[in-house]
């Protein structure tokens, strides 16, 4: 039987290794858009980068609501769905800083600065998500 995760458990789960998030945003016509993203937790917020002119960047500029799913697709299966609102930040120092931190998580510390330089450029955004609700279950198939 599935078990609801505690806050400490879901935070550890989403931060484990290189699990990606599946980000859902709202298109102008109200339909959903979903895209994979790299992310990190920062205190009570979730942080990721995107381009200002990407579908997700444009969607979030118009409607700050989002959901992000992180899952383990091996038995007994687990998932975390985070609901929140996005703050878009264009400050290049912050964009570069977060791109480096996120790059370090997914590609290793030795490549952090490379990702900070590559993604810390005009037209890129930091998306800081104020988490409003979390649904998290482990052992879904138990």
C-alpha atoms as a PDB file:
ATOM      1  CA  UNK A   1       0.000   0.000   0.000  1.00  0.00           C
ATOM      2  CA  UNK A   2       1.319   3.449  -0.914  1.00  0.00           C
ATOM      3  CA  UNK A   3       2.674   5.648   1.856  1.00  0.00           C
ATOM      4  CA  UNK A   4       2.573   9.433   1.925  1.00  0.00           C
ATOM      5  CA  UNK A   5       6.090  10.891   2.203  1.00  0.00           C
ATOM      6  CA  UNK A   6       7.032  13.312   4.944  1.00  0.00           C
ATOM      7  CA  UNK A   7       8.526  16.675   4.008  1.00  0.00           C
ATOM      8  CA  UNK A   8      12.037  15.388   4.722  1.00  0.00           C
ATOM      9  CA  UNK A   9      11.374  12.277   2.612  1.00  0.00           C
ATOM     10  CA  UNK A  10      10.026  14.100  -0.444  1.00  0.00           C
ATOM     11  CA  UNK A  11      12.823  16.689  -0.296  1.00  0.00           C
ATOM     12  CA  UNK A  12      15.419  13.886  -0.242  1.00  0.00           C
ATOM     13  CA  UNK A  13      13.560  12.062  -3.039  1.00  0.00           C
ATOM     14  CA  UNK A  14      13.488  15.014  -5.474  1.00  0.00           C
ATOM     15  CA  UNK A  15      17.107  15.883  -4.662  1.00  0.00           C
ATOM     16  CA  UNK A  16      18.394  12.335  -5.181  1.00  0.00           C
ATOM     17  CA  UNK A  17      20.905  11.889  -7.984  1.00  0.00           C
ATOM     18  CA  UNK A  18      19.891  13.354 -11.346  1.00  0.00           C
ATOM     19  CA  UNK A  19      16.130  12.883 -11.330  1.00  0.00           C
ATOM     20  CA  UNK A  20      14.556  15.357 -13.717  1.00  0.00           C
ATOM     21  CA  UNK A  21      11.304  17.181 -13.234  1.00  0.00           C
ATOM     22  CA  UNK A  22       8.416  17.118 -15.677  1.00  0.00           C
ATOM     23  CA  UNK A  23       7.172  20.703 -15.675  1.00  0.00           C
ATOM     24  CA  UNK A  24       3.569  21.499 -16.543  1.00  0.00           C
ATOM     25  CA  UNK A  25       2.586  25.060 -17.465  1.00  0.00           C
ATOM     26  CA  UNK A  26      -0.600  26.588 -18.859  1.00  0.00           C
ATOM     27  CA  UNK A  27      -0.735  27.647 -22.516  1.00  0.00           C
ATOM     28  CA  UNK A  28      -2.606  30.795 -23.573  1.00  0.00           C
ATOM     29  CA  UNK A  29      -5.551  28.657 -24.730  1.00  0.00           C
ATOM     30  CA  UNK A  30      -5.697  26.928 -21.323  1.00  0.00           C
ATOM     31  CA  UNK A  31      -4.227  23.636 -22.496  1.00  0.00           C
ATOM     32  CA  UNK A  32      -1.285  22.083 -20.651  1.00  0.00           C
ATOM     33  CA  UNK A  33       2.317  22.136 -21.814  1.00  0.00           C
ATOM     34  CA  UNK A  34       4.843  19.723 -20.319  1.00  0.00           C
ATOM     35  CA  UNK A  35       8.629  19.719 -20.598  1.00  0.00           C
ATOM     36  CA  UNK A  36      11.508  18.105 -18.700  1.00  0.00           C
ATOM     37  CA  UNK A  37      13.678  20.397 -16.564  1.00  0.00           C
ATOM     38  CA  UNK A  38      16.774  20.204 -14.399  1.00  0.00           C
ATOM     39  CA  UNK A  39      16.229  21.804 -10.983  1.00  0.00           C
ATOM     40  CA  UNK A  40      17.483  22.201  -7.426  1.00  0.00           C
ATOM     41  CA  UNK A  41      15.824  22.950  -4.120  1.00  0.00           C
ATOM     42  CA  UNK A  42      16.812  26.200  -2.413  1.00  0.00           C
ATOM     43  CA  UNK A  43      15.359  26.373   1.064  1.00  0.00           C
ATOM     44  CA  UNK A  44      11.587  26.276   0.638  1.00  0.00           C
ATOM     45  CA  UNK A  45      11.771  27.060  -3.101  1.00  0.00           C
ATOM     46  CA  UNK A  46      12.452  25.057  -6.223  1.00  0.00           C
ATOM     47  CA  UNK A  47      14.736  26.671  -8.823  1.00  0.00           C
ATOM     48  CA  UNK A  48      15.339  25.992 -12.519  1.00  0.00           C
ATOM     49  CA  UNK A  49      16.509  27.856 -15.623  1.00  0.00           C
ATOM     50  CA  UNK A  50      14.764  28.338 -18.932  1.00  0.00           C
ATOM     51  CA  UNK A  51      14.858  30.628 -21.914  1.00  0.00           C
ATOM     52  CA  UNK A  52      12.630  33.686 -21.841  1.00  0.00           C
ATOM     53  CA  UNK A  53      11.253  32.839 -25.295  1.00  0.00           C
ATOM     54  CA  UNK A  54      10.683  29.105 -24.772  1.00  0.00           C
ATOM     55  CA  UNK A  55       7.129  27.826 -24.523  1.00  0.00           C
ATOM     56  CA  UNK A  56       7.511  27.353 -20.771  1.00  0.00           C
ATOM     57  CA  UNK A  57       9.145  30.776 -20.351  1.00  0.00           C
ATOM     58  CA  UNK A  58       6.331  32.525 -22.231  1.00  0.00           C
ATOM     59  CA  UNK A  59       3.682  30.499 -20.408  1.00  0.00           C
ATOM     60  CA  UNK A  60       5.104  31.392 -16.992  1.00  0.00           C
ATOM     61  CA  UNK A  61       5.388  35.082 -17.910  1.00  0.00           C
ATOM     62  CA  UNK A  62       1.653  35.069 -18.655  1.00  0.00           C
ATOM     63  CA  UNK A  63       0.472  32.654 -15.933  1.00  0.00           C
ATOM     64  CA  UNK A  64       2.738  31.923 -12.978  1.00  0.00           C
ATOM     65  CA  UNK A  65       0.987  28.667 -12.006  1.00  0.00           C
ATOM     66  CA  UNK A  66       2.827  25.383 -12.533  1.00  0.00           C
ATOM     67  CA  UNK A  67       3.138  21.798 -11.437  1.00  0.00           C
ATOM     68  CA  UNK A  68       6.282  19.685 -11.454  1.00  0.00           C
ATOM     69  CA  UNK A  69       6.376  15.889 -11.193  1.00  0.00           C
ATOM     70  CA  UNK A  70       9.438  13.887 -10.175  1.00  0.00           C
ATOM     71  CA  UNK A  71       9.103  10.120 -10.218  1.00  0.00           C
ATOM     72  CA  UNK A  72      10.904   6.835  -9.753  1.00  0.00           C
ATOM     73  CA  UNK A  73       9.742   4.536 -12.518  1.00  0.00           C
ATOM     74  CA  UNK A  74      11.092   1.335 -10.967  1.00  0.00           C
ATOM     75  CA  UNK A  75       9.030  -0.903  -8.669  1.00  0.00           C
ATOM     76  CA  UNK A  76       7.640  -0.262  -6.135  1.00  0.00           C
ATOM     77  CA  UNK A  77       7.380   3.242  -7.744  1.00  0.00           C
ATOM     78  CA  UNK A  78       7.213   6.660  -6.107  1.00  0.00           C
ATOM     79  CA  UNK A  79       6.402  10.199  -7.134  1.00  0.00           C
ATOM     80  CA  UNK A  80       6.299  13.787  -5.938  1.00  0.00           C
ATOM     81  CA  UNK A  81       4.083  16.443  -7.503  1.00  0.00           C
ATOM     82  CA  UNK A  82       4.889  20.028  -6.548  1.00  0.00           C
ATOM     83  CA  UNK A  83       2.391  22.821  -7.205  1.00  0.00           C
ATOM     84  CA  UNK A  84       3.478  26.428  -7.030  1.00  0.00           C
ATOM     85  CA  UNK A  85       3.862  29.853  -8.557  1.00  0.00           C
ATOM     86  CA  UNK A  86       6.868  31.059 -10.506  1.00  0.00           C
ATOM     87  CA  UNK A  87       8.891  34.211 -10.064  1.00  0.00           C
ATOM     88  CA  UNK A  88      10.929  34.993 -13.189  1.00  0.00           C
ATOM     89  CA  UNK A  89      14.359  36.539 -12.626  1.00  0.00           C
ATOM     90  CA  UNK A  90      16.465  37.992 -15.456  1.00  0.00           C
ATOM     91  CA  UNK A  91      19.421  39.252 -13.398  1.00  0.00           C
ATOM     92  CA  UNK A  92      22.429  37.716 -15.189  1.00  0.00           C
ATOM     93  CA  UNK A  93      24.434  37.205 -11.993  1.00  0.00           C
ATOM     94  CA  UNK A  94      21.594  35.094 -10.590  1.00  0.00           C
ATOM     95  CA  UNK A  95      20.992  33.330 -13.906  1.00  0.00           C
ATOM     96  CA  UNK A  96      24.677  32.358 -14.102  1.00  0.00           C
ATOM     97  CA  UNK A  97      24.830  31.358 -10.417  1.00  0.00           C
ATOM     98  CA  UNK A  98      21.806  29.058 -10.632  1.00  0.00           C
ATOM     99  CA  UNK A  99      22.813  27.634 -14.008  1.00  0.00           C
ATOM    100  CA  UNK A 100      26.143  26.635 -12.429  1.00  0.00           C
ATOM    101  CA  UNK A 101      24.479  25.083  -9.351  1.00  0.00           C
ATOM    102  CA  UNK A 102      21.998  23.167 -11.479  1.00  0.00           C
ATOM    103  CA  UNK A 103      24.746  22.106 -13.902  1.00  0.00           C
ATOM    104  CA  UNK A 104      26.788  20.814 -10.972  1.00  0.00           C
ATOM    105  CA  UNK A 105      23.913  18.608  -9.838  1.00  0.00           C
ATOM    106  CA  UNK A 106      23.276  17.046 -13.230  1.00  0.00           C
ATOM    107  CA  UNK A 107      26.719  17.101 -14.878  1.00  0.00           C
ATOM    108  CA  UNK A 108      29.128  17.198 -11.924  1.00  0.00           C
ATOM    109  CA  UNK A 109      31.003  19.906 -10.051  1.00  0.00           C
ATOM    110  CA  UNK A 110      33.800  19.874 -12.612  1.00  0.00           C
ATOM    111  CA  UNK A 111      31.369  21.196 -15.264  1.00  0.00           C
ATOM    112  CA  UNK A 112      29.435  23.673 -13.092  1.00  0.00           C
ATOM    113  CA  UNK A 113      31.164  26.802 -14.354  1.00  0.00           C
ATOM    114  CA  UNK A 114      30.789  25.635 -17.956  1.00  0.00           C
ATOM    115  CA  UNK A 115      27.015  25.462 -17.521  1.00  0.00           C
ATOM    116  CA  UNK A 116      26.958  28.762 -15.647  1.00  0.00           C
ATOM    117  CA  UNK A 117      28.725  30.455 -18.574  1.00  0.00           C
ATOM    118  CA  UNK A 118      26.669  28.681 -21.239  1.00  0.00           C
ATOM    119  CA  UNK A 119      23.295  29.454 -19.651  1.00  0.00           C
ATOM    120  CA  UNK A 120      24.099  32.709 -17.831  1.00  0.00           C
ATOM    121  CA  UNK A 121      23.410  34.862 -20.877  1.00  0.00           C
ATOM    122  CA  UNK A 122      20.779  37.423 -21.909  1.00  0.00           C
ATOM    123  CA  UNK A 123      17.481  35.776 -22.758  1.00  0.00           C
ATOM    124  CA  UNK A 124      17.805  33.162 -20.014  1.00  0.00           C
ATOM    125  CA  UNK A 125      15.767  33.193 -16.803  1.00  0.00           C
ATOM    126  CA  UNK A 126      15.932  31.860 -13.292  1.00  0.00           C
ATOM    127  CA  UNK A 127      12.555  30.473 -12.333  1.00  0.00           C
ATOM    128  CA  UNK A 128      12.069  30.489  -8.557  1.00  0.00           C
ATOM    129  CA  UNK A 129       9.028  28.460  -7.569  1.00  0.00           C
ATOM    130  CA  UNK A 130       7.183  29.276  -4.376  1.00  0.00           C
ATOM    131  CA  UNK A 131       5.940  25.830  -3.390  1.00  0.00           C
ATOM    132  CA  UNK A 132       2.279  25.869  -2.369  1.00  0.00           C
ATOM    133  CA  UNK A 133       1.334  22.179  -2.258  1.00  0.00           C
ATOM    134  CA  UNK A 134       3.099  18.822  -2.438  1.00  0.00           C
ATOM    135  CA  UNK A 135       1.623  15.381  -3.056  1.00  0.00           C
ATOM    136  CA  UNK A 136       4.194  12.635  -2.518  1.00  0.00           C
ATOM    137  CA  UNK A 137       3.798   8.863  -2.310  1.00  0.00           C
ATOM    138  CA  UNK A 138       6.286   6.017  -2.015  1.00  0.00           C
ATOM    139  CA  UNK A 139       5.687   2.319  -2.487  1.00  0.00           C
ATOM    140  CA  UNK A 140       2.847   2.863  -4.923  1.00  0.00           C
ATOM    141  CA  UNK A 141       2.851  -0.809  -6.002  1.00  0.00           C
ATOM    142  CA  UNK A 142       3.349  -2.277  -2.520  1.00  0.00           C
END
